[in-house]
Amino acid sequence: MAVAPSATLASPRRKRRILLRLVALVVLYGLWEIAARTTRNPTFIPSPGAVWHQLIVTSTVHGGIRGYSGHLLIEHLGVSLRRILIGSAIGVAGGLVLGLIMGTVTWFRVVTEPVVTFVRALPPLAYFSLFIIWFGIDETPKLWLLSIAALPPVAVATAAAVLGAPTGLVEAARALGAGKWQAVRDVVLPHALPEIFTGVRIAVGVAYSSVVAAETINGVPGIGGMVRDAQRYSQTDVVVLGLFAIGLSGLLIDALLQIAEKRLIPWRGRA
């Protein structure tokens, strides 16, 4: 059986990408090691070995002390991921509904678009203080912060995608007897899904980047709370470890979203 040329070329390209990424990682590691040895100030630039040591310390029980602040690193990360999952789910769901209505109801879009743009321009810490006044220092303000941070990207992407749906196809569906919302469901949404999914990926990224802000108050256990606590005591190696944990888990989540996008929207990029 003949093998398609594209399949033959895919393997060398993939190997080349993997090799380039490995080389980049080795170079970055070398630069980090050189910078740490040159400065000789672990509070300013901790060495890779010091960060690795903290990975071991925060992941085990040592001298009767459990991880960092009584919680293992994986527990800190798990609590943050749970907050991000709940907050992102609420924000994405709200953004989908809001964006769909904005894209289909003109007067509603005119009223809500400035509000969504206003909220999107605000940094998370700007309204986090307000949430603390309203809801206290428990989980509620954190989830509100992540939800509000995730909502605008999805709402804007959904509204733009719905407005950009091909008019000819919508009119053809209406001519064949489809109602307004049937046309939206069967024509507009399938066309808009790729752009909507891009908005979802951006929203999850925004929520993830906001988790440190969400965990500045009563954030332990939580990876952002761990980072903030370590910063107070100039434990730079723990701070760097926390940043690695946030970044690597963020890469994993984005990779999972890309896989889901390919499975759920196989027509993306096709005419």
Protein backbone atom coordinates (compact mmCIF):
# COMPACT_ATOMS: atom_id res chain seq x y z
CA MET A 1 0.00 0.00 0.00
CA ALA A 2 1.37 3.40 -0.99
CA VAL A 3 2.28 5.85 1.74
CA ALA A 4 1.16 9.46 1.31
CA PRO A 5 4.05 11.93 0.82
CA SER A 6 2.71 14.12 3.63
CA ALA A 7 2.88 11.19 6.07
CA THR A 8 6.45 10.46 4.95
CA LEU A 9 7.53 14.06 5.51
CA ALA A 10 5.71 14.41 8.85
CA SER A 11 8.09 12.14 10.77
CA PRO A 12 11.37 13.98 9.90
CA ARG A 13 9.70 17.32 10.61
CA ARG A 14 8.48 16.12 13.98
CA LYS A 15 11.92 14.76 14.87
CA ARG A 16 13.49 18.07 13.84
CA ARG A 17 11.07 20.02 16.04
CA ILE A 18 11.76 17.75 19.02
CA LEU A 19 15.51 18.05 18.48
CA LEU A 20 15.33 21.86 18.27
CA ARG A 21 13.32 22.01 21.49
CA LEU A 22 15.78 19.75 23.29
CA VAL A 23 18.71 21.88 22.11
CA ALA A 24 16.88 25.02 23.27
CA LEU A 25 16.28 23.47 26.70
CA VAL A 26 19.95 22.49 27.05
CA VAL A 27 21.06 26.01 26.05
CA LEU A 28 18.66 27.62 28.53
CA TYR A 29 19.83 25.28 31.26
CA GLY A 30 23.45 26.17 30.51
CA LEU A 31 22.73 29.91 30.57
CA TRP A 32 20.87 29.52 33.87
CA GLU A 33 23.76 27.60 35.42
CA ILE A 34 26.29 30.17 34.19
CA ALA A 35 24.19 33.07 35.52
CA ALA A 36 23.82 31.39 38.94
CA ARG A 37 27.57 30.70 39.20
CA THR A 38 28.46 34.21 38.03
CA THR A 39 26.22 36.11 40.42
CA ARG A 40 26.90 33.77 43.38
CA ASN A 41 23.76 35.11 45.01
CA PRO A 42 21.11 32.39 45.48
CA THR A 43 18.58 34.97 46.61
CA PHE A 44 18.91 36.70 43.24
CA ILE A 45 19.40 33.71 40.91
CA PRO A 46 19.15 30.27 42.51
CA SER A 47 21.03 27.46 40.81
CA PRO A 48 19.19 24.62 39.03
CA GLY A 49 20.49 22.31 41.77
CA ALA A 50 18.90 24.47 44.48
CA VAL A 51 15.55 24.43 42.67
CA TRP A 52 15.80 20.65 42.24
CA HIS A 53 16.54 20.33 45.97
CA GLN A 54 13.40 22.32 46.77
CA LEU A 55 11.43 20.05 44.44
CA ILE A 56 12.52 17.09 46.57
CA VAL A 57 11.90 18.93 49.84
CA THR A 58 8.43 20.22 48.93
CA SER A 59 7.40 16.82 47.58
CA THR A 60 8.32 14.77 50.66
CA VAL A 61 8.02 14.69 54.44
CA HIS A 62 11.32 15.69 56.06
CA GLY A 63 12.05 16.14 59.76
CA GLY A 64 8.37 15.85 60.57
CA ILE A 65 7.60 18.72 58.17
CA ARG A 66 5.24 17.93 55.30
CA GLY A 67 6.26 19.63 52.05
CA TYR A 68 5.83 23.41 52.16
CA SER A 69 3.53 24.98 54.78
CA GLY A 70 2.16 21.54 55.66
CA HIS A 71 1.23 20.56 52.09
CA LEU A 72 3.12 18.68 49.39
CA LEU A 73 3.88 20.42 46.09
CA ILE A 74 1.41 18.19 44.24
CA GLU A 75 -1.28 19.19 46.76
CA HIS A 76 -0.57 22.89 46.25
CA LEU A 77 -0.78 22.39 42.50
CA GLY A 78 -3.93 20.26 42.76
CA VAL A 79 -5.78 22.93 44.75
CA SER A 80 -4.80 25.61 42.22
CA LEU A 81 -5.86 23.42 39.30
CA ARG A 82 -9.22 22.79 40.95
CA ARG A 83 -9.75 26.53 41.36
CA ILE A 84 -8.73 27.14 37.76
CA LEU A 85 -11.01 24.36 36.48
CA ILE A 86 -14.07 25.64 38.36
CA GLY A 87 -13.38 29.31 37.61
CA SER A 88 -12.63 28.66 33.94
CA ALA A 89 -15.72 26.47 33.53
CA ILE A 90 -17.97 29.19 34.95
CA GLY A 91 -16.28 31.93 32.92
CA VAL A 92 -16.32 29.93 29.67
CA ALA A 93 -19.98 28.96 30.08
CA GLY A 94 -20.96 32.55 30.84
CA GLY A 95 -18.83 33.85 27.97
CA LEU A 96 -20.42 31.41 25.49
CA VAL A 97 -23.95 32.43 26.43
CA LEU A 98 -23.10 36.13 26.54
CA GLY A 99 -21.17 36.04 23.25
CA LEU A 100 -23.90 34.09 21.48
CA ILE A 101 -26.53 36.64 22.49
CA MET A 102 -24.19 39.52 21.61
CA GLY A 103 -23.66 38.06 18.16
CA THR A 104 -27.34 37.52 17.40
CA VAL A 105 -29.18 40.37 19.19
CA THR A 106 -28.02 43.78 17.99
CA TRP A 107 -29.38 45.94 20.80
CA PHE A 108 -27.92 43.58 23.42
CA ARG A 109 -24.49 43.81 21.76
CA VAL A 110 -24.65 47.61 21.73
CA VAL A 111 -25.39 47.64 25.47
CA THR A 112 -22.97 44.92 26.67
CA GLU A 113 -19.95 45.32 24.37
CA PRO A 114 -18.52 48.37 26.23
CA VAL A 115 -19.00 46.58 29.57
CA VAL A 116 -17.18 43.45 28.37
CA THR A 117 -14.36 45.57 26.94
CA PHE A 118 -14.13 47.52 30.20
CA VAL A 119 -13.86 44.34 32.29
CA ARG A 120 -11.34 42.81 29.89
CA ALA A 121 -9.08 45.88 30.27
CA LEU A 122 -9.00 45.64 34.08
CA PRO A 123 -6.10 43.77 35.72
CA PRO A 124 -7.32 40.99 38.03
CA LEU A 125 -6.00 42.63 41.20
CA ALA A 126 -8.13 45.70 40.44
CA TYR A 127 -11.39 43.91 41.23
CA PHE A 128 -10.01 41.20 43.53
CA SER A 129 -9.96 43.67 46.44
CA LEU A 130 -13.64 44.37 45.81
CA PHE A 131 -14.46 40.66 45.84
CA ILE A 132 -12.67 40.28 49.19
CA ILE A 133 -14.82 43.07 50.66
CA TRP A 134 -17.96 41.42 49.31
CA PHE A 135 -17.23 37.72 49.87
CA GLY A 136 -14.46 37.49 52.49
CA ILE A 137 -11.16 35.63 52.16
CA ASP A 138 -12.30 32.05 51.51
CA GLU A 139 -12.75 30.33 48.14
CA THR A 140 -15.56 32.52 46.80
CA PRO A 141 -13.52 35.63 45.83
CA LYS A 142 -10.86 33.44 44.18
CA LEU A 143 -13.44 31.65 42.02
CA TRP A 144 -15.12 34.95 41.15
CA LEU A 145 -11.78 36.42 40.10
CA LEU A 146 -10.93 33.46 37.83
CA SER A 147 -14.46 33.39 36.39
CA ILE A 148 -14.46 37.10 35.54
CA ALA A 149 -10.95 36.83 34.10
CA ALA A 150 -12.00 33.95 31.81
CA LEU A 151 -15.33 35.37 30.63
CA PRO A 152 -14.37 38.31 28.34
CA PRO A 153 -12.06 36.40 25.92
CA VAL A 154 -14.76 33.78 25.27
CA ALA A 155 -17.53 36.37 24.97
CA VAL A 156 -15.57 38.49 22.49
CA ALA A 157 -14.45 35.49 20.42
CA THR A 158 -17.95 34.00 20.33
CA ALA A 159 -19.61 37.29 19.35
CA ALA A 160 -17.04 37.94 16.60
CA ALA A 161 -17.36 34.38 15.28
CA VAL A 162 -21.17 34.51 15.21
CA LEU A 163 -21.13 37.88 13.46
CA GLY A 164 -18.65 36.50 10.92
CA ALA A 165 -20.84 33.55 9.93
CA PRO A 166 -21.49 33.40 6.13
CA THR A 167 -24.70 35.30 5.42
CA GLY A 168 -25.43 33.23 2.33
CA LEU A 169 -25.53 29.96 4.28
CA VAL A 170 -27.71 31.46 7.00
CA GLU A 171 -30.17 32.84 4.43
CA ALA A 172 -30.22 29.49 2.62
CA ALA A 173 -31.06 27.71 5.88
CA ARG A 174 -33.83 30.21 6.60
CA ALA A 175 -35.18 29.76 3.06
CA LEU A 176 -35.36 26.00 3.66
CA GLY A 177 -37.59 26.58 6.67
CA ALA A 178 -35.13 26.82 9.55
CA GLY A 179 -36.04 29.22 12.33
CA LYS A 180 -33.64 31.87 13.63
CA TRP A 181 -32.26 29.75 16.46
CA GLN A 182 -32.20 26.63 14.28
CA ALA A 183 -30.00 28.52 11.79
CA VAL A 184 -27.77 29.61 14.66
CA ARG A 185 -27.49 26.04 15.97
CA ASP A 186 -27.00 24.26 12.63
CA VAL A 187 -25.10 26.86 10.57
CA VAL A 188 -23.65 29.65 12.69
CA LEU A 189 -22.27 27.60 15.60
CA PRO A 190 -20.40 24.98 13.50
CA HIS A 191 -18.80 27.84 11.54
CA ALA A 192 -17.98 29.73 14.75
CA LEU A 193 -16.64 26.82 16.82
CA PRO A 194 -12.96 27.09 15.74
CA GLU A 195 -12.78 30.75 16.76
CA ILE A 196 -14.78 30.06 19.92
CA PHE A 197 -12.33 27.31 20.89
CA THR A 198 -9.45 29.75 20.39
CA GLY A 199 -11.22 32.08 22.81
CA VAL A 200 -11.56 29.20 25.29
CA ARG A 201 -7.83 28.50 25.13
CA ILE A 202 -7.07 32.18 25.71
CA ALA A 203 -9.58 32.29 28.60
CA VAL A 204 -8.00 29.29 30.34
CA GLY A 205 -4.58 30.91 29.89
CA VAL A 206 -5.83 34.18 31.39
CA ALA A 207 -7.38 32.32 34.32
CA TYR A 208 -4.16 30.41 34.86
CA SER A 209 -2.09 33.59 34.83
CA SER A 210 -4.54 35.11 37.34
CA VAL A 211 -4.22 32.29 39.87
CA VAL A 212 -1.25 33.93 41.61
CA ALA A 213 -3.33 37.08 42.08
CA ALA A 214 -6.30 34.97 43.26
CA GLU A 215 -4.11 33.24 45.87
CA THR A 216 -2.44 36.34 47.29
CA ILE A 217 -4.94 36.28 50.17
CA ASN A 218 -5.35 33.04 52.14
CA GLY A 219 -3.94 31.13 49.17
CA VAL A 220 -2.22 28.25 50.99
CA PRO A 221 -2.67 25.50 49.97
CA GLY A 222 -2.25 26.65 46.39
CA ILE A 223 0.70 27.04 44.08
CA GLY A 224 0.21 30.81 43.84
CA GLY A 225 -0.07 31.07 47.61
CA MET A 226 3.12 29.04 47.97
CA VAL A 227 4.93 31.41 45.60
CA ARG A 228 3.67 34.49 47.45
CA ASP A 229 4.62 33.02 50.82
CA ALA A 230 8.11 32.08 49.61
CA GLN A 231 8.57 35.57 48.18
CA ARG A 232 7.94 37.11 51.59
CA TYR A 233 10.84 35.11 53.03
CA SER A 234 13.13 35.58 49.99
CA GLN A 235 13.06 31.87 49.18
CA THR A 236 13.80 32.44 45.53
CA ASP A 237 14.39 28.75 44.81
CA VAL A 238 10.83 27.95 45.97
CA VAL A 239 9.48 30.85 43.91
CA VAL A 240 11.24 29.55 40.79
CA LEU A 241 9.98 26.03 41.52
CA GLY A 242 6.43 27.36 41.79
CA LEU A 243 6.80 29.22 38.49
CA PHE A 244 8.01 26.02 36.84
CA ALA A 245 5.03 24.12 38.27
CA ILE A 246 2.61 26.75 36.97
CA GLY A 247 4.26 26.97 33.55
CA LEU A 248 4.64 23.23 32.94
CA SER A 249 1.10 22.41 34.06
CA GLY A 250 -0.13 25.28 31.89
CA LEU A 251 1.66 23.76 28.89
CA LEU A 252 0.03 20.41 29.64
CA ILE A 253 -3.44 21.95 29.89
CA ASP A 254 -2.97 23.83 26.61
CA ALA A 255 -1.76 20.64 24.91
CA LEU A 256 -4.88 18.81 26.14
CA LEU A 257 -7.06 21.65 24.82
CA GLN A 258 -5.35 21.42 21.42
CA ILE A 259 -5.98 17.65 21.32
CA ALA A 260 -9.63 18.23 22.24
CA GLU A 261 -9.89 20.89 19.54
CA LYS A 262 -8.59 18.50 16.88
CA ARG A 263 -11.03 15.80 18.01
CA LEU A 264 -14.09 18.04 18.39
CA ILE A 265 -13.50 20.40 15.44
CA PRO A 266 -11.92 18.28 12.69
CA TRP A 267 -13.10 20.72 10.03
CA ARG A 268 -10.96 23.60 11.32
CA GLY A 269 -8.78 25.06 8.56
CA ARG A 270 -10.78 23.44 5.79
CA ALA A 271 -12.73 25.39 3.23
